[in-house]
Structure formats: C-alpha cells, structure tokens
C-alpha cells in the first residue's frame, strides 16, 4: 500500500487510489483510456523480453494494456490482495480461473446455491472430466463430508442469488486452509466495503465488476484477486514454467496465460476506465442500498400480499446472526415470494420506479421474475432444491430515497 494511503479510511482510499497508485500523466486524477491493440518497441529485444515474461510490459491487448493494469492495481488495493487479473465479465473471470487450475480427475466442491449461469457452467465442467459436488455451504460440515482425496478447490458465493443464503465463510476458509484446498470466493454480492475477504482466508476472490464495483450499469468486467493466503508452490496444478516466480505471482501468471490469453476474455480499455471511476463511490453506494434494502424488507415482511421475504438483515433470516458477524451491512439483494393469488407479472408492471431488468448493483432499483428468466434453464426440480419458487421476484435495491421505494411497492401491491 502507498504511504499516502496507509492510514486513511476505506472511502478515502477508493477516491484517491487511481491517482496515487497509477500516477497518471499530466496531473490527471484518472488513468486515461488506452484503446490500442498493439504496442511498438524500438528494439525487438524489448518485445521478446515481454513475451518471455522477463520484464513487465504490454505486447497485445488481449493479454494486457495500461488501462487493464490500472484497474488491476486499484482492485488489488481494494481487496487487500497481492495481485489481480481483470476480465471481460464476471463469468469470464470464474470460468478462466477454474479451467486454469483444475484438470480431468480433479474434484470441486461448490455451493448448491450459485447463480444460474454459474450453475450451468459447473455442469459443463463434468464434460471435461472434472467432478463437481454441490453442497449446502451454510454449514461447513457439509463441505467436510463432501471432501475427497482428489478435492482441489471449494467455490462459493458469499450471499446466494436470489435466495440470499449466507455461506459459513470463516469456518469454510479455516477448513480449506487446514486441508490446503484452494478457497475460491465469489464476492460479487458483498464487495470489499461489506466483506473483508482476508478475514475469511480466501485464496482467490472473484468479482463481477459489472455489478456493485462499477455501479452504474455502463460497463462489463470481472476480476480475480490473489489474496496471499495459499501456498501455490505446493499446488499440484501449477505448471513448472511458473515455478520461478514469487509464490503469489505463480497462480496469476498461470491464469493469465491459460485463462485470459488462451480463452480470450479480455476487458476493453473503456470498460476498465469506467469501472475504475465507478469504484470511487462504492462505499457510499453500498451504505445507501443496504439501508434501503433493510427498510424495504421490513415493510414487505409485514405486508399481507407477500408470503416471504429473503434478506439477511431480517432477524427471521436463517443466517441473520452469521451475516451480522461477517458483513458491514446486509447488501442490496432482496427477494420475495408473493402470495399464490397475486400475479407477479401484473404486480411488476404496476411499478413506476422499479425497472424490469436483469442486473445487480445499479444505482436504480431493479426487479426480475426469477424462475421465468435468470433460472429458466435450470429444471424446476433443481430450482425447488435451491429454494426458488415460481412466484419469486428478485430485487437489486438502488440508492433512491427509501420512502419513494416503499410508496412504489405500496401502490403496486394495493
């Protein structure tokens, strides 16, 4: 960490990270957008050294650029990690990381409650000979029972989307540390202003930058951050060609070569820039939408037309006490089951402020019928195991005035 940022608060660090960590030219407070695909060097030996990893630099934008590097510096700082690698989307970050570190014959323990696209990706892993066991990650004992001799990784989301189950993060992290299993944590729902990933001993943190980090629905991106908690030199899947690097760089180098360069999920310079600017207000936005979500959850929990509210901030939530110990605020994702006699489509179409849209972490409040859209590709029987009903609506709560949000729900439910 820069000496200028060492003793400052979290929001102060976010606001000044780009300017101080990346030292943009000409006194700029933001790193400029670099849209160049190729990079020229007067001496061909310099280009060769970059290709061979002997010196730092950019050769081709599919692998790196100054805009990508600036964002990575910021996100490494934000998460309190050692190094990071940016991608075109959160799914690109997840798929590239897992496929770079696992191979046929390996075993992955994953949360039963992961997001729909992630769930279908985990199913696809089986075609590559990677065994996947889905467990209830709200209980560390389920992870212990699922462990096998060939278990290489545990993967979960901090707060599940859309039913808001809270993973037993610290206990699972301690178990993975004890067993030397890679602990891959998807922190999209609880970015660093809500969860300190170091406190749960994550090996790697992935995040959809598109959501709460960027925050304004105008940029796609993903990130994987190496947290400095795992001995990669002892991990059987690190290739020998990376063994000469410092421990934390070995895994990032392998994911960069095998997952980013070879699979091609590179972030654009414009997107990297927009994410870097958006992150500056992360703490302010997470505080506001957490407050709004709690107020709305309490209102809806008492409404006769709402059968059930799913929000970790409610005392009735199964993992409420766990969430209190883990998080600074309960996040902005909230889901509801309407009563069976309420038409969810008609109700949603009556909303004036809430947008019918698929996304999370926007400044505006968004709603979507879960079973008909983002989990439509998942069989109904599997959806029921995940706690998803036919009448469930997921909301990403924004930063509007809470009284206006409550009034909008009230008129739509009337």
Protein backbone atom coordinates (compact mmCIF):
# COMPACT_ATOMS: atom_id res chain seq x y z
CA UNK A 1 0.00 0.00 0.00
CA UNK A 2 1.23 3.52 -0.79
CA UNK A 3 2.40 5.52 2.23
CA UNK A 4 -0.08 8.24 1.23
CA UNK A 5 -2.98 5.79 1.65
CA UNK A 6 -1.65 3.73 4.56
CA UNK A 7 -3.56 5.32 7.45
CA UNK A 8 -6.60 6.60 5.57
CA UNK A 9 -10.20 5.32 5.67
CA UNK A 10 -11.71 2.98 3.11
CA UNK A 11 -13.61 5.62 1.10
CA UNK A 12 -10.61 7.94 1.05
CA UNK A 13 -8.51 5.13 -0.36
CA UNK A 14 -11.10 4.41 -3.07
CA UNK A 15 -11.29 8.06 -4.15
CA UNK A 16 -7.53 8.53 -4.40
CA UNK A 17 -6.38 5.02 -5.43
CA UNK A 18 -6.14 5.64 -9.17
CA UNK A 19 -4.31 8.95 -8.80
CA UNK A 20 -1.79 7.68 -6.25
CA UNK A 21 -1.26 4.05 -7.25
CA UNK A 22 -1.10 4.61 -11.00
CA UNK A 23 0.37 8.16 -11.23
CA UNK A 24 -1.45 9.18 -14.44
CA UNK A 25 0.32 11.59 -16.78
CA UNK A 26 -0.01 15.38 -16.74
CA UNK A 27 -1.59 15.54 -13.29
CA UNK A 28 -4.70 13.58 -14.32
CA UNK A 29 -6.73 12.16 -11.46
CA UNK A 30 -7.90 9.23 -13.61
CA UNK A 31 -5.81 6.90 -15.74
CA UNK A 32 -6.60 7.58 -19.41
CA UNK A 33 -8.35 5.09 -21.68
CA UNK A 34 -5.88 3.11 -23.76
CA UNK A 35 -7.64 1.67 -26.80
CA UNK A 36 -4.54 0.47 -28.62
CA UNK A 37 -4.48 -3.22 -29.52
CA UNK A 38 -0.78 -3.41 -30.34
CA UNK A 39 2.36 -1.95 -28.74
CA UNK A 40 5.56 -0.97 -30.55
CA UNK A 41 9.11 -1.16 -29.19
CA UNK A 42 12.16 0.41 -30.92
CA UNK A 43 14.25 -2.66 -30.11
CA UNK A 44 12.76 -6.05 -30.91
CA UNK A 45 14.65 -7.50 -27.93
CA UNK A 46 12.37 -5.49 -25.64
CA UNK A 47 9.28 -7.05 -27.22
CA UNK A 48 10.84 -10.51 -26.89
CA UNK A 49 11.56 -9.93 -23.19
CA UNK A 50 7.90 -9.00 -22.63
CA UNK A 51 6.67 -12.10 -24.45
CA UNK A 52 9.00 -14.28 -22.39
CA UNK A 53 7.98 -12.65 -19.11
CA UNK A 54 11.44 -11.31 -18.32
CA UNK A 55 10.21 -7.71 -17.98
CA UNK A 56 6.82 -6.11 -17.38
CA UNK A 57 5.09 -4.53 -20.35
CA UNK A 58 2.31 -4.81 -22.91
CA UNK A 59 2.55 -6.73 -26.16
CA UNK A 60 -1.09 -7.25 -27.19
CA UNK A 61 -4.33 -6.02 -25.65
CA UNK A 62 -5.83 -9.50 -25.38
CA UNK A 63 -3.26 -10.14 -22.65
CA UNK A 64 -2.73 -6.70 -21.09
CA UNK A 65 -2.95 -2.94 -21.52
CA UNK A 66 -2.25 0.09 -19.37
CA UNK A 67 -6.00 0.55 -18.74
CA UNK A 68 -6.28 -3.05 -17.55
CA UNK A 69 -3.18 -2.69 -15.36
CA UNK A 70 -4.52 0.50 -13.76
CA UNK A 71 -7.77 -1.26 -12.86
CA UNK A 72 -5.91 -4.29 -11.51
CA UNK A 73 -3.77 -2.07 -9.26
CA UNK A 74 -6.91 -0.47 -7.85
CA UNK A 75 -8.75 -3.75 -7.27
CA UNK A 76 -5.75 -5.44 -5.66
CA UNK A 77 -5.63 -2.49 -3.26
CA UNK A 78 -9.40 -2.53 -2.65
CA UNK A 79 -9.48 -6.24 -1.79
CA UNK A 80 -6.25 -6.17 0.21
CA UNK A 81 -4.68 -8.82 -2.01
CA UNK A 82 -1.31 -9.41 -3.65
CA UNK A 83 -2.15 -9.33 -7.37
CA UNK A 84 -5.17 -9.42 -9.67
CA UNK A 85 -6.26 -10.04 -13.23
CA UNK A 86 -9.17 -8.32 -14.99
CA UNK A 87 -11.54 -9.96 -17.49
CA UNK A 88 -14.38 -9.01 -19.81
CA UNK A 89 -17.05 -10.19 -17.35
CA UNK A 90 -17.54 -11.94 -14.04
CA UNK A 91 -18.32 -15.22 -15.79
CA UNK A 92 -15.09 -14.91 -17.78
CA UNK A 93 -13.18 -14.50 -14.52
CA UNK A 94 -14.85 -17.53 -12.92
CA UNK A 95 -14.54 -19.87 -15.90
CA UNK A 96 -10.96 -18.88 -16.73
CA UNK A 97 -9.84 -19.27 -13.11
CA UNK A 98 -11.37 -22.72 -12.62
CA UNK A 99 -10.33 -24.07 -16.01
CA UNK A 100 -6.78 -22.77 -15.50
CA UNK A 101 -6.36 -24.51 -12.13
CA UNK A 102 -8.30 -27.79 -12.45
CA UNK A 103 -8.00 -30.70 -14.86
CA UNK A 104 -9.65 -34.04 -15.58
CA UNK A 105 -9.72 -36.19 -12.47
CA UNK A 106 -9.92 -33.27 -10.04
CA UNK A 107 -12.82 -32.71 -7.66
CA UNK A 108 -14.53 -29.38 -6.99
CA UNK A 109 -16.88 -28.73 -4.07
CA UNK A 110 -19.29 -25.92 -4.95
CA UNK A 111 -22.26 -24.19 -3.41
CA UNK A 112 -25.67 -25.60 -4.27
CA UNK A 113 -26.96 -22.03 -4.32
CA UNK A 114 -24.81 -20.43 -7.03
CA UNK A 115 -26.23 -18.09 -9.65
CA UNK A 116 -27.91 -19.67 -12.70
CA UNK A 117 -25.16 -19.09 -15.28
CA UNK A 118 -22.53 -20.26 -12.81
CA UNK A 119 -24.60 -23.36 -12.09
CA UNK A 120 -24.77 -24.30 -15.78
CA UNK A 121 -21.01 -23.70 -16.11
CA UNK A 122 -20.40 -26.11 -13.21
CA UNK A 123 -22.48 -28.69 -15.05
CA UNK A 124 -20.30 -28.15 -18.13
CA UNK A 125 -17.17 -28.91 -16.11
CA UNK A 126 -18.28 -32.53 -15.86
CA UNK A 127 -17.83 -32.86 -19.64
CA UNK A 128 -14.15 -32.09 -19.12
CA UNK A 129 -13.76 -34.83 -16.53
CA UNK A 130 -13.86 -32.51 -13.50
CA UNK A 131 -16.03 -33.94 -10.75
CA UNK A 132 -18.36 -31.45 -9.06
CA UNK A 133 -20.22 -31.94 -5.78
CA UNK A 134 -22.86 -29.37 -4.81
CA UNK A 135 -23.38 -28.79 -1.10
CA UNK A 136 -25.22 -26.53 1.33
CA UNK A 137 -22.44 -24.05 2.17
CA UNK A 138 -24.33 -22.51 5.07
CA UNK A 139 -22.84 -25.40 7.08
CA UNK A 140 -19.11 -26.17 7.00
CA UNK A 141 -19.85 -29.79 7.95
CA UNK A 142 -21.39 -30.34 4.51
CA UNK A 143 -18.09 -29.30 2.92
CA UNK A 144 -16.17 -31.68 5.17
CA UNK A 145 -18.46 -34.58 4.29
CA UNK A 146 -18.04 -33.88 0.56
CA UNK A 147 -14.23 -33.77 0.64
CA UNK A 148 -12.40 -36.47 -1.32
CA UNK A 149 -8.75 -37.32 -1.82
CA UNK A 150 -8.83 -35.52 -5.18
CA UNK A 151 -10.59 -32.36 -3.92
CA UNK A 152 -8.63 -29.36 -5.20
CA UNK A 153 -10.99 -26.45 -4.72
CA UNK A 154 -14.04 -25.13 -2.84
CA UNK A 155 -16.08 -22.49 -4.66
CA UNK A 156 -18.99 -20.46 -3.29
CA UNK A 157 -20.80 -17.14 -3.33
CA UNK A 158 -20.84 -15.07 -0.14
CA UNK A 159 -24.58 -14.34 -0.34
CA UNK A 160 -26.50 -16.52 -2.77
CA UNK A 161 -28.50 -15.03 -5.61
CA UNK A 162 -31.51 -14.95 -5.39
CA UNK A 163 -32.49 -16.73 -2.12
CA UNK A 164 -29.79 -14.91 -0.04
CA UNK A 165 -28.35 -17.93 1.78
CA UNK A 166 -25.21 -16.80 3.62
CA UNK A 167 -22.20 -19.11 3.38
CA UNK A 168 -20.34 -20.18 6.52
CA UNK A 169 -17.40 -18.24 5.16
CA UNK A 170 -14.95 -18.16 8.05
CA UNK A 171 -15.40 -21.79 9.05
CA UNK A 172 -15.03 -22.98 5.45
CA UNK A 173 -11.98 -20.77 4.99
CA UNK A 174 -10.33 -22.22 8.09
CA UNK A 175 -11.07 -25.76 6.90
CA UNK A 176 -9.66 -25.08 3.42
CA UNK A 177 -6.56 -23.53 4.99
CA UNK A 178 -6.11 -26.57 7.22
CA UNK A 179 -6.56 -29.01 4.31
CA UNK A 180 -4.62 -26.89 1.77
CA UNK A 181 -7.59 -26.70 -0.58
CA UNK A 182 -7.95 -23.68 -2.86
CA UNK A 183 -10.75 -21.48 -1.49
CA UNK A 184 -12.35 -19.54 -4.36
CA UNK A 185 -14.84 -16.93 -3.12
CA UNK A 186 -17.25 -15.06 -5.39
CA UNK A 187 -17.56 -11.71 -3.62
CA UNK A 188 -19.92 -10.04 -6.09
CA UNK A 189 -22.76 -9.64 -3.58
CA UNK A 190 -20.56 -8.34 -0.77
CA UNK A 191 -17.77 -6.18 -2.22
CA UNK A 192 -14.92 -5.04 -0.01
CA UNK A 193 -16.96 -2.27 1.63
CA UNK A 194 -19.19 -5.03 3.08
CA UNK A 195 -16.84 -8.02 3.50
CA UNK A 196 -13.12 -8.13 4.25
CA UNK A 197 -12.10 -11.20 2.24
CA UNK A 198 -8.86 -11.52 4.19
CA UNK A 199 -10.91 -12.20 7.33
CA UNK A 200 -12.28 -15.44 5.80
CA UNK A 201 -8.90 -16.68 4.47
CA UNK A 202 -9.93 -16.67 0.82
CA UNK A 203 -7.25 -17.99 -1.54
CA UNK A 204 -8.73 -16.22 -4.55
CA UNK A 205 -11.59 -13.72 -4.79
CA UNK A 206 -13.62 -13.33 -7.98
CA UNK A 207 -15.97 -10.47 -8.56
CA UNK A 208 -18.29 -9.34 -11.31
CA UNK A 209 -17.07 -5.76 -11.67
CA UNK A 210 -20.20 -5.12 -13.73
CA UNK A 211 -22.32 -5.10 -10.59
CA UNK A 212 -21.58 -3.16 -7.40
CA UNK A 213 -17.98 -2.20 -8.22
CA UNK A 214 -18.78 -0.27 -11.42
CA UNK A 215 -22.22 0.54 -10.05
CA UNK A 216 -23.88 2.39 -12.91
CA UNK A 217 -24.88 -0.28 -15.44
CA UNK A 218 -22.48 1.02 -18.09
CA UNK A 219 -19.52 -1.39 -18.10
CA UNK A 220 -18.90 -5.13 -18.17
CA UNK A 221 -15.95 -6.57 -16.29
CA UNK A 222 -14.67 -9.27 -13.96
CA UNK A 223 -11.66 -9.71 -11.67
CA UNK A 224 -9.77 -12.43 -9.84
CA UNK A 225 -7.62 -11.32 -6.89
CA UNK A 226 -4.87 -13.42 -5.30
CA UNK A 227 -5.10 -12.87 -1.54
CA UNK A 228 -1.72 -14.22 -0.36
CA UNK A 229 -3.23 -16.99 1.79
CA UNK A 230 -2.33 -20.09 -0.23
CA UNK A 231 0.98 -21.86 -0.93
CA UNK A 232 0.83 -22.06 -4.71
CA UNK A 233 4.31 -23.54 -4.90
CA UNK A 234 2.82 -26.65 -3.27
CA UNK A 235 -0.28 -26.80 -5.51
CA UNK A 236 -0.04 -29.74 -7.89
CA UNK A 237 -1.68 -27.92 -10.81
CA UNK A 238 0.80 -25.04 -11.06
CA UNK A 239 2.84 -25.62 -14.20
CA UNK A 240 6.61 -25.89 -13.90
CA UNK A 241 7.11 -22.90 -16.18
CA UNK A 242 5.77 -20.59 -13.49
CA UNK A 243 7.68 -22.10 -10.55
CA UNK A 244 10.47 -19.48 -10.71
CA UNK A 245 8.04 -16.66 -9.86
CA UNK A 246 7.22 -15.44 -6.34
CA UNK A 247 4.52 -17.62 -4.81
CA UNK A 248 1.52 -15.31 -5.29
CA UNK A 249 2.52 -14.49 -8.88
CA UNK A 250 2.59 -18.13 -9.95
CA UNK A 251 -1.18 -18.54 -9.96
CA UNK A 252 -1.87 -15.15 -11.56
CA UNK A 253 0.67 -15.90 -14.31
CA UNK A 254 -0.94 -19.27 -15.00
CA UNK A 255 -4.46 -17.83 -15.12
CA UNK A 256 -3.20 -15.02 -17.35
CA UNK A 257 -1.58 -17.40 -19.84
CA UNK A 258 -4.10 -20.26 -19.79
CA UNK A 259 -7.32 -18.43 -18.89
CA UNK A 260 -7.01 -14.91 -20.27
CA UNK A 261 -4.62 -15.16 -23.22
CA UNK A 262 -5.77 -18.59 -24.47
CA UNK A 263 -9.51 -18.17 -23.82
CA UNK A 264 -9.66 -14.51 -24.85
CA UNK A 265 -11.99 -12.94 -22.26
CA UNK A 266 -10.14 -9.61 -22.19
CA UNK A 267 -11.62 -6.39 -20.81
CA UNK A 268 -11.73 -3.33 -23.08
CA UNK A 269 -9.86 -0.16 -22.17
CA UNK A 270 -13.11 1.82 -22.00
CA UNK A 271 -14.74 -0.68 -19.65
CA UNK A 272 -11.66 -0.78 -17.41
CA UNK A 273 -11.75 3.01 -17.18
CA UNK A 274 -15.47 3.15 -16.34
CA UNK A 275 -15.04 0.51 -13.61
CA UNK A 276 -12.08 2.41 -12.16
CA UNK A 277 -14.17 5.58 -11.91
CA UNK A 278 -17.23 3.76 -10.56
CA UNK A 279 -15.33 2.12 -7.70
CA UNK A 280 -14.66 5.53 -6.14
CA UNK A 281 -18.22 5.74 -4.76
CA UNK A 282 -18.52 2.06 -3.77
CA UNK A 283 -18.67 2.58 0.00
CA UNK A 284 -21.21 5.40 -0.29
CA UNK A 285 -23.45 3.34 -2.55
CA UNK A 286 -23.26 0.13 -0.51
CA UNK A 287 -24.18 2.01 2.66
CA UNK A 288 -27.21 3.59 0.97
CA UNK A 289 -28.57 0.50 -0.75
CA UNK A 290 -28.07 -1.61 2.38
CA UNK A 291 -30.15 0.89 4.35
CA UNK A 292 -32.80 0.99 1.64
CA UNK A 293 -32.94 -2.80 1.35
CA UNK A 294 -33.42 -3.25 5.09
CA UNK A 295 -36.20 -0.67 5.24
CA UNK A 296 -37.96 -2.24 2.25
CA UNK A 297 -37.51 -5.78 3.61
CA UNK A 298 -39.10 -4.80 6.92
CA UNK A 299 -42.03 -3.17 5.10
CA UNK A 300 -42.62 -6.14 2.78
CA UNK A 301 -42.23 -8.66 5.61
CA UNK A 302 -45.33 -7.20 7.22
CA UNK A 303 -47.41 -6.97 4.03
CA UNK A 304 -50.30 -9.49 3.70
CA UNK A 305 -49.76 -9.98 -0.06
CA UNK A 306 -46.15 -11.07 0.44
CA UNK A 307 -45.66 -14.69 1.51
CA UNK A 308 -41.95 -14.48 2.31
CA UNK A 309 -39.05 -12.03 2.22
CA UNK A 310 -35.47 -13.20 1.70
CA UNK A 311 -32.99 -10.72 3.16
CA UNK A 312 -30.13 -11.40 5.61
CA UNK A 313 -30.90 -8.21 7.52
CA UNK A 314 -34.19 -9.61 8.82
CA UNK A 315 -33.96 -11.35 12.20
CA UNK A 316 -36.09 -14.17 10.76
CA UNK A 317 -33.44 -14.98 8.13
CA UNK A 318 -31.79 -18.37 8.89
CA UNK A 319 -28.27 -16.90 8.72
CA UNK A 320 -29.02 -13.47 10.20
CA UNK A 321 -26.61 -13.86 13.13
CA UNK A 322 -23.89 -15.22 10.84
CA UNK A 323 -24.36 -12.26 8.48
CA UNK A 324 -24.03 -9.84 11.39
CA UNK A 325 -20.63 -11.27 12.27
CA UNK A 326 -19.36 -11.31 8.68
CA UNK A 327 -20.64 -8.17 7.00
CA UNK A 328 -20.73 -4.39 7.35
CA UNK A 329 -24.34 -4.07 6.19
CA UNK A 330 -26.51 -6.76 4.66
CA UNK A 331 -26.20 -5.87 0.98
CA UNK A 332 -28.63 -4.82 -1.72
CA UNK A 333 -30.12 -8.10 -2.95
CA UNK A 334 -33.66 -8.82 -1.73
CA UNK A 335 -36.14 -11.41 -2.98
CA UNK A 336 -39.79 -12.04 -2.24
CA UNK A 337 -42.40 -14.73 -2.75
CA UNK A 338 -45.81 -13.21 -3.45
CA UNK A 339 -48.95 -14.91 -2.21
CA UNK A 340 -50.20 -17.54 -4.66
CA UNK A 341 -53.21 -15.42 -5.67
CA UNK A 342 -51.05 -12.44 -6.68
CA UNK A 343 -50.00 -12.25 -10.34
CA UNK A 344 -46.29 -11.36 -10.21
CA UNK A 345 -46.27 -10.04 -13.79
CA UNK A 346 -49.22 -7.72 -13.19
CA UNK A 347 -47.66 -6.54 -9.94
CA UNK A 348 -44.29 -5.82 -11.55
CA UNK A 349 -45.91 -3.98 -14.46
CA UNK A 350 -47.52 -1.57 -11.99
CA UNK A 351 -44.18 -0.39 -10.61
CA UNK A 352 -43.24 3.19 -11.51
CA UNK A 353 -39.71 3.47 -10.14
CA UNK A 354 -38.52 -0.15 -10.17
CA UNK A 355 -37.11 -1.21 -13.54
CA UNK A 356 -37.92 -4.61 -15.05
CA UNK A 357 -34.32 -5.52 -15.79
CA UNK A 358 -31.71 -8.18 -15.16
CA UNK A 359 -28.71 -6.75 -13.36
CA UNK A 360 -27.38 -6.14 -9.86
CA UNK A 361 -25.67 -3.24 -8.15
CA UNK A 362 -27.12 -0.44 -10.24
CA UNK A 363 -27.95 2.94 -8.73
CA UNK A 364 -31.58 2.24 -9.71
CA UNK A 365 -33.75 -0.46 -8.14
CA UNK A 366 -34.28 -3.42 -10.49
CA UNK A 367 -36.69 -6.35 -10.35
CA UNK A 368 -36.92 -9.63 -12.26
CA UNK A 369 -39.13 -12.77 -12.02
CA UNK A 370 -36.54 -15.43 -11.21
CA UNK A 371 -38.00 -18.74 -12.44
CA UNK A 372 -39.03 -17.28 -15.80
CA UNK A 373 -35.71 -15.62 -16.63
CA UNK A 374 -32.30 -16.00 -14.96
CA UNK A 375 -33.06 -19.54 -13.70
CA UNK A 376 -35.22 -20.62 -16.63
CA UNK A 377 -32.51 -23.00 -17.89
CA UNK A 378 -32.46 -24.80 -14.53
CA UNK A 379 -35.05 -27.60 -14.18
CA UNK A 380 -37.94 -26.79 -11.84
CA UNK A 381 -36.98 -29.66 -9.54
CA UNK A 382 -33.48 -28.22 -9.19
CA UNK A 383 -34.88 -24.73 -8.67
CA UNK A 384 -37.02 -26.03 -5.82
CA UNK A 385 -33.92 -27.55 -4.19
CA UNK A 386 -32.36 -24.09 -4.35
CA UNK A 387 -35.44 -22.54 -2.71
CA UNK A 388 -36.70 -20.78 -5.85
CA UNK A 389 -40.48 -20.67 -6.24
CA UNK A 390 -42.49 -19.92 -9.40
CA UNK A 391 -43.65 -16.64 -7.86
CA UNK A 392 -40.28 -15.34 -6.68
CA UNK A 393 -39.11 -11.86 -7.64
CA UNK A 394 -35.52 -10.75 -7.09
CA UNK A 395 -34.69 -7.12 -6.47
CA UNK A 396 -31.44 -5.23 -6.64
CA UNK A 397 -32.09 -2.27 -4.41
CA UNK A 398 -30.76 1.09 -5.56
CA UNK A 399 -29.91 4.40 -3.93
CA UNK A 400 -33.28 6.13 -4.33
CA UNK A 401 -34.98 7.68 -1.30
CA UNK A 402 -36.38 4.78 0.71
CA UNK A 403 -39.75 6.45 1.26
CA UNK A 404 -40.23 6.66 -2.51
CA UNK A 405 -39.36 2.99 -2.98
CA UNK A 406 -41.77 1.91 -0.25
CA UNK A 407 -44.51 4.10 -1.73
CA UNK A 408 -43.96 2.49 -5.16
CA UNK A 409 -44.29 -1.02 -3.71
CA UNK A 410 -47.34 0.05 -1.74
CA UNK A 411 -49.23 1.35 -4.77
CA UNK A 412 -48.31 -1.70 -6.86
CA UNK A 413 -49.48 -4.11 -4.16
CA UNK A 414 -52.68 -2.19 -3.44
